[in-house]
C-alpha atoms as a PDB file:
ATOM      1  CA  MET A   1     -83.645   8.061 -15.106  1.00  0.00           C
ATOM      2  CA  SER A   2     -86.019  10.165 -17.109  1.00  0.00           C
ATOM      3  CA  THR A   3     -86.137   9.930 -20.865  1.00  0.00           C
ATOM      4  CA  PRO A   4     -82.884  11.269 -22.354  1.00  0.00           C
ATOM      5  CA  THR A   5     -83.421  14.230 -24.642  1.00  0.00           C
ATOM      6  CA  TYR A   6     -80.097  14.853 -26.344  1.00  0.00           C
ATOM      7  CA  LYS A   7     -79.024  12.799 -29.366  1.00  0.00           C
ATOM      8  CA  SER A   8     -75.508  12.357 -28.005  1.00  0.00           C
ATOM      9  CA  THR A   9     -76.856  10.996 -24.712  1.00  0.00           C
ATOM     10  CA  LYS A  10     -79.124   8.549 -26.532  1.00  0.00           C
ATOM     11  CA  LYS A  11     -76.207   7.419 -28.678  1.00  0.00           C
ATOM     12  CA  ARG A  12     -73.972   6.908 -25.619  1.00  0.00           C
ATOM     13  CA  ILE A  13     -76.691   4.916 -23.830  1.00  0.00           C
ATOM     14  CA  LYS A  14     -77.188   2.689 -26.892  1.00  0.00           C
ATOM     15  CA  GLU A  15     -73.450   1.995 -27.112  1.00  0.00           C
ATOM     16  CA  ILE A  16     -73.196   1.224 -23.402  1.00  0.00           C
ATOM     17  CA  LEU A  17     -76.230  -1.077 -23.497  1.00  0.00           C
ATOM     18  CA  LYS A  18     -74.676  -3.023 -26.386  1.00  0.00           C
ATOM     19  CA  ILE A  19     -71.475  -3.476 -24.392  1.00  0.00           C
ATOM     20  CA  VAL A  20     -73.386  -4.586 -21.296  1.00  0.00           C
ATOM     21  CA  GLN A  21     -75.541  -6.981 -23.304  1.00  0.00           C
ATOM     22  CA  ARG A  22     -72.440  -8.504 -24.910  1.00  0.00           C
ATOM     23  CA  GLU A  23     -70.340  -8.784 -21.732  1.00  0.00           C
ATOM     24  CA  TYR A  24     -72.771  -9.465 -18.857  1.00  0.00           C
ATOM     25  CA  GLU A  25     -73.112 -13.000 -17.483  1.00  0.00           C
ATOM     26  CA  ILE A  26     -75.353 -14.044 -14.613  1.00  0.00           C
ATOM     27  CA  HIS A  27     -73.552 -15.690 -11.644  1.00  0.00           C
ATOM     28  CA  ASN A  28     -70.097 -14.762 -12.960  1.00  0.00           C
ATOM     29  CA  ASN A  29     -68.430 -12.130 -10.797  1.00  0.00           C
ATOM     30  CA  LYS A  30     -65.786 -11.438 -13.445  1.00  0.00           C
ATOM     31  CA  ARG A  31     -68.562 -10.357 -15.823  1.00  0.00           C
ATOM     32  CA  CYS A  32     -70.968  -8.609 -13.442  1.00  0.00           C
ATOM     33  CA  TYR A  33     -72.099  -4.998 -13.956  1.00  0.00           C
ATOM     34  CA  LYS A  34     -69.442  -3.654 -11.591  1.00  0.00           C
ATOM     35  CA  ALA A  35     -66.636  -5.491 -13.428  1.00  0.00           C
ATOM     36  CA  ILE A  36     -67.916  -4.358 -16.830  1.00  0.00           C
ATOM     37  CA  TRP A  37     -68.069  -0.794 -15.550  1.00  0.00           C
ATOM     38  CA  ARG A  38     -64.581  -0.962 -13.994  1.00  0.00           C
ATOM     39  CA  ASN A  39     -62.823  -2.574 -16.971  1.00  0.00           C
ATOM     40  CA  ILE A  40     -64.667  -1.234 -20.021  1.00  0.00           C
ATOM     41  CA  ILE A  41     -67.234   1.511 -19.401  1.00  0.00           C
ATOM     42  CA  HIS A  42     -65.401   3.816 -16.964  1.00  0.00           C
ATOM     43  CA  PRO A  43     -62.113   3.987 -18.894  1.00  0.00           C
ATOM     44  CA  LYS A  44     -63.898   4.673 -22.201  1.00  0.00           C
ATOM     45  CA  TYR A  45     -66.838   6.886 -21.165  1.00  0.00           C
ATOM     46  CA  GLY A  46     -65.792   8.206 -17.745  1.00  0.00           C
ATOM     47  CA  ILE A  47     -69.211   7.733 -16.135  1.00  0.00           C
ATOM     48  CA  CYS A  48     -69.815   6.611 -12.557  1.00  0.00           C
ATOM     49  CA  TYR A  49     -71.309   3.250 -11.601  1.00  0.00           C
ATOM     50  CA  ASP A  50     -74.647   4.776 -10.573  1.00  0.00           C
ATOM     51  CA  THR A  51     -74.982   6.348 -14.017  1.00  0.00           C
ATOM     52  CA  LEU A  52     -74.386   2.948 -15.621  1.00  0.00           C
ATOM     53  CA  LEU A  53     -77.144   1.446 -13.488  1.00  0.00           C
ATOM     54  CA  SER A  54     -79.541   4.233 -14.470  1.00  0.00           C
ATOM     55  CA  TYR A  55     -78.679   3.701 -18.167  1.00  0.00           C
ATOM     56  CA  ILE A  56     -79.482   0.007 -17.824  1.00  0.00           C
ATOM     57  CA  LYS A  57     -82.984   0.954 -16.627  1.00  0.00           C
ATOM     58  CA  VAL A  58     -83.729   3.051 -19.745  1.00  0.00           C
ATOM     59  CA  LYS A  59     -86.261   1.378 -22.027  1.00  0.00           C
ATOM     60  CA  PRO A  60     -85.052   0.879 -25.619  1.00  0.00           C
ATOM     61  CA  SER A  61     -88.302   2.396 -26.933  1.00  0.00           C
ATOM     62  CA  ASN A  62     -87.341   5.709 -25.261  1.00  0.00           C
ATOM     63  CA  LEU A  63     -84.062   5.769 -27.195  1.00  0.00           C
ATOM     64  CA  ASN A  64     -85.753   5.450 -30.577  1.00  0.00           C
ATOM     65  CA  GLU A  65     -88.129   8.382 -30.167  1.00  0.00           C
ATOM     66  CA  GLU A  66     -87.298  11.473 -32.153  1.00  0.00           C
ATOM     67  CA  ILE A  67     -86.595  14.695 -30.315  1.00  0.00           C
ATOM     68  CA  LYS A  68     -89.630  16.946 -30.428  1.00  0.00           C
ATOM     69  CA  LYS A  69     -88.952  20.612 -31.076  1.00  0.00           C
END
């Protein structure tokens, strides 16, 4: 995913990354990315699984940059 440009998108990515960081556990299928997406992310944000995976790849430094006008 390219660098997000809109403030609302950056905010949504930050919130989703916090949820994933809090919930994800290695080698636990009940807390894998797919389960987190199915039980928490999709009902709240309505994004598809591929979008979640692309959000996970976004570097935190890209989220903190100010929008240049």
